Amino acid sequence: MKISEMAAALGAEICQGEFEDVEVSGAYTSDLLSDVMANAKDGGALITIQAHKNTVATATLVDISVIVICNSRPFIDDMLEAAKKSGIAVIRTKENQFTVSGKLWKLFNAGGSA
């Protein structure tokens, strides 16, 4: 599924839209950035509430394609700027991490709708 398709399936707002609309290979949910560095997979999505520049830096290290910010968290100003420079999509949803993780699991593993 492409990033734009993921955003649509989640009903999420695209907050940083200057990115290559690539296929997303999976997702990882964590708010602990060191955990993300150790366990997230290249080309995936990061599901988190961490809406700041360090999240983008971590996503860059792991080659994350899209950051999904949950709970309608507000961004710290420099986050979207850093994501734009790195070509990482940032989408935001009002739903929590559990709900988003479940919807994406279903989309990736069962081929069903979110």
C-alpha atoms as a PDB file:
ATOM      1  CA  MET A   1       0.000   0.000   0.000  1.00  0.00           C
ATOM      2  CA  LYS A   2       1.278   3.459  -0.864  1.00  0.00           C
ATOM      3  CA  ILE A   3       1.564   6.266   1.693  1.00  0.00           C
ATOM      4  CA  SER A   4      -1.386   8.152   0.183  1.00  0.00           C
ATOM      5  CA  GLU A   5      -3.513   4.997   0.338  1.00  0.00           C
ATOM      6  CA  MET A   6      -2.534   4.495   3.979  1.00  0.00           C
ATOM      7  CA  ALA A   7      -3.527   8.052   4.852  1.00  0.00           C
ATOM      8  CA  ALA A   8      -6.874   7.624   3.092  1.00  0.00           C
ATOM      9  CA  ALA A   9      -7.566   4.256   4.744  1.00  0.00           C
ATOM     10  CA  LEU A  10      -6.892   5.774   8.169  1.00  0.00           C
ATOM     11  CA  GLY A  11      -8.813   8.966   7.438  1.00  0.00           C
ATOM     12  CA  ALA A  12      -5.623  10.775   8.421  1.00  0.00           C
ATOM     13  CA  GLU A  13      -4.556  14.318   7.611  1.00  0.00           C
ATOM     14  CA  ILE A  14      -1.405  14.631   5.476  1.00  0.00           C
ATOM     15  CA  CYS A  15       0.611  17.248   7.342  1.00  0.00           C
ATOM     16  CA  GLN A  16       3.879  17.009   5.411  1.00  0.00           C
ATOM     17  CA  GLY A  17       3.034  16.208   1.824  1.00  0.00           C
ATOM     18  CA  GLU A  18       6.349  16.599   0.012  1.00  0.00           C
ATOM     19  CA  PHE A  19       7.388  12.953  -0.245  1.00  0.00           C
ATOM     20  CA  GLU A  20       7.679  10.160  -2.760  1.00  0.00           C
ATOM     21  CA  ASP A  21       4.467   8.129  -2.595  1.00  0.00           C
ATOM     22  CA  VAL A  22       6.197   4.789  -2.090  1.00  0.00           C
ATOM     23  CA  GLU A  23       4.892   1.396  -1.038  1.00  0.00           C
ATOM     24  CA  VAL A  24       4.934   0.975   2.737  1.00  0.00           C
ATOM     25  CA  SER A  25       6.174  -2.446   3.784  1.00  0.00           C
ATOM     26  CA  GLY A  26       4.829  -2.560   7.344  1.00  0.00           C
ATOM     27  CA  ALA A  27       4.590  -0.543  10.528  1.00  0.00           C
ATOM     28  CA  TYR A  28       6.125  -0.261  13.974  1.00  0.00           C
ATOM     29  CA  THR A  29       4.470   1.306  17.011  1.00  0.00           C
ATOM     30  CA  SER A  30       6.550   2.906  19.740  1.00  0.00           C
ATOM     31  CA  ASP A  31       7.064   6.164  21.590  1.00  0.00           C
ATOM     32  CA  LEU A  32      10.578   5.222  22.685  1.00  0.00           C
ATOM     33  CA  LEU A  33      12.864   6.360  19.883  1.00  0.00           C
ATOM     34  CA  SER A  34      15.735   4.063  20.862  1.00  0.00           C
ATOM     35  CA  ASP A  35      13.285   1.162  20.547  1.00  0.00           C
ATOM     36  CA  VAL A  36      12.357   2.368  17.065  1.00  0.00           C
ATOM     37  CA  MET A  37      16.035   2.477  16.055  1.00  0.00           C
ATOM     38  CA  ALA A  38      16.545  -1.074  17.307  1.00  0.00           C
ATOM     39  CA  ASN A  39      13.395  -2.703  15.942  1.00  0.00           C
ATOM     40  CA  ALA A  40      11.641  -0.800  13.144  1.00  0.00           C
ATOM     41  CA  LYS A  41      12.121  -2.056   9.592  1.00  0.00           C
ATOM     42  CA  ASP A  42      13.233  -0.087   6.541  1.00  0.00           C
ATOM     43  CA  GLY A  43      10.465   1.269   4.356  1.00  0.00           C
ATOM     44  CA  GLY A  44       7.818   1.063   7.045  1.00  0.00           C
ATOM     45  CA  ALA A  45       5.584   3.420   8.954  1.00  0.00           C
ATOM     46  CA  LEU A  46       6.220   4.663  12.485  1.00  0.00           C
ATOM     47  CA  ILE A  47       3.109   4.971  14.663  1.00  0.00           C
ATOM     48  CA  THR A  48       3.736   7.301  17.610  1.00  0.00           C
ATOM     49  CA  ILE A  49       2.687  10.349  19.613  1.00  0.00           C
ATOM     50  CA  GLN A  50       6.209  11.800  19.487  1.00  0.00           C
ATOM     51  CA  ALA A  51       5.635  14.917  17.361  1.00  0.00           C
ATOM     52  CA  HIS A  52       9.069  16.544  17.331  1.00  0.00           C
ATOM     53  CA  LYS A  53      12.272  16.815  15.311  1.00  0.00           C
ATOM     54  CA  ASN A  54      13.994  13.863  17.014  1.00  0.00           C
ATOM     55  CA  THR A  55      11.283  11.564  15.667  1.00  0.00           C
ATOM     56  CA  VAL A  56      12.239  12.613  12.151  1.00  0.00           C
ATOM     57  CA  ALA A  57      15.931  12.052  12.877  1.00  0.00           C
ATOM     58  CA  THR A  58      15.145   8.554  14.121  1.00  0.00           C
ATOM     59  CA  ALA A  59      12.939   7.845  11.100  1.00  0.00           C
ATOM     60  CA  THR A  60      15.788   8.913   8.828  1.00  0.00           C
ATOM     61  CA  LEU A  61      18.215   6.518  10.525  1.00  0.00           C
ATOM     62  CA  VAL A  62      15.839   3.579  10.106  1.00  0.00           C
ATOM     63  CA  ASP A  63      14.612   4.617   6.627  1.00  0.00           C
ATOM     64  CA  ILE A  64      11.002   5.058   7.766  1.00  0.00           C
ATOM     65  CA  SER A  65       8.780   6.283   4.910  1.00  0.00           C
ATOM     66  CA  VAL A  66       5.926   7.789   6.924  1.00  0.00           C
ATOM     67  CA  ILE A  67       5.368   8.936  10.486  1.00  0.00           C
ATOM     68  CA  VAL A  68       1.822   8.519  11.786  1.00  0.00           C
ATOM     69  CA  ILE A  69       1.128  10.908  14.671  1.00  0.00           C
ATOM     70  CA  CYS A  70      -1.767   9.746  16.847  1.00  0.00           C
ATOM     71  CA  ASN A  71      -4.191  11.415  19.271  1.00  0.00           C
ATOM     72  CA  SER A  72      -4.238  14.630  17.170  1.00  0.00           C
ATOM     73  CA  ARG A  73      -0.979  15.658  18.840  1.00  0.00           C
ATOM     74  CA  PRO A  74       0.246  19.147  17.918  1.00  0.00           C
ATOM     75  CA  PHE A  75       3.611  19.404  16.174  1.00  0.00           C
ATOM     76  CA  ILE A  76       6.640  21.262  17.387  1.00  0.00           C
ATOM     77  CA  ASP A  77       7.332  23.721  14.547  1.00  0.00           C
ATOM     78  CA  ASP A  78      10.609  22.265  13.339  1.00  0.00           C
ATOM     79  CA  MET A  79       9.284  18.711  12.956  1.00  0.00           C
ATOM     80  CA  LEU A  80       7.485  19.246   9.664  1.00  0.00           C
ATOM     81  CA  GLU A  81      10.399  21.266   8.307  1.00  0.00           C
ATOM     82  CA  ALA A  82      12.827  18.440   9.137  1.00  0.00           C
ATOM     83  CA  ALA A  83      10.470  15.854   7.606  1.00  0.00           C
ATOM     84  CA  LYS A  84      10.201  17.913   4.425  1.00  0.00           C
ATOM     85  CA  LYS A  85      14.006  18.109   4.117  1.00  0.00           C
ATOM     86  CA  SER A  86      14.225  14.330   4.592  1.00  0.00           C
ATOM     87  CA  GLY A  87      11.309  13.492   2.275  1.00  0.00           C
ATOM     88  CA  ILE A  88       9.422  11.716   5.065  1.00  0.00           C
ATOM     89  CA  ALA A  89       5.643  11.892   4.992  1.00  0.00           C
ATOM     90  CA  VAL A  90       3.901  12.930   8.208  1.00  0.00           C
ATOM     91  CA  ILE A  91       0.245  12.120   8.698  1.00  0.00           C
ATOM     92  CA  ARG A  92      -1.925  12.728  11.753  1.00  0.00           C
ATOM     93  CA  THR A  93      -4.999  10.997  13.072  1.00  0.00           C
ATOM     94  CA  LYS A  94      -7.283  11.534  16.040  1.00  0.00           C
ATOM     95  CA  GLU A  95      -7.131   7.818  16.852  1.00  0.00           C
ATOM     96  CA  ASN A  96      -4.762   6.280  19.391  1.00  0.00           C
ATOM     97  CA  GLN A  97      -1.785   4.048  18.632  1.00  0.00           C
ATOM     98  CA  PHE A  98      -3.645   0.829  19.472  1.00  0.00           C
ATOM     99  CA  THR A  99      -6.445   1.566  17.011  1.00  0.00           C
ATOM    100  CA  VAL A 100      -4.094   2.694  14.231  1.00  0.00           C
ATOM    101  CA  SER A 101      -1.852  -0.343  14.754  1.00  0.00           C
ATOM    102  CA  GLY A 102      -4.845  -2.671  14.523  1.00  0.00           C
ATOM    103  CA  LYS A 103      -6.154  -1.048  11.365  1.00  0.00           C
ATOM    104  CA  LEU A 104      -2.774  -1.207   9.674  1.00  0.00           C
ATOM    105  CA  TRP A 105      -2.218  -4.806  10.792  1.00  0.00           C
ATOM    106  CA  LYS A 106      -5.496  -5.700   9.166  1.00  0.00           C
ATOM    107  CA  LEU A 107      -4.604  -3.872   5.954  1.00  0.00           C
ATOM    108  CA  PHE A 108      -1.119  -5.397   5.723  1.00  0.00           C
ATOM    109  CA  ASN A 109      -1.934  -8.949   6.828  1.00  0.00           C
ATOM    110  CA  ALA A 110      -5.548  -9.658   6.031  1.00  0.00           C
ATOM    111  CA  GLY A 111      -6.014  -7.526   2.943  1.00  0.00           C
ATOM    112  CA  GLY A 112      -9.173  -6.051   4.427  1.00  0.00           C
ATOM    113  CA  SER A 113     -10.282  -2.455   4.771  1.00  0.00           C
ATOM    114  CA  ALA A 114      -9.362  -0.413   7.829  1.00  0.00           C
END
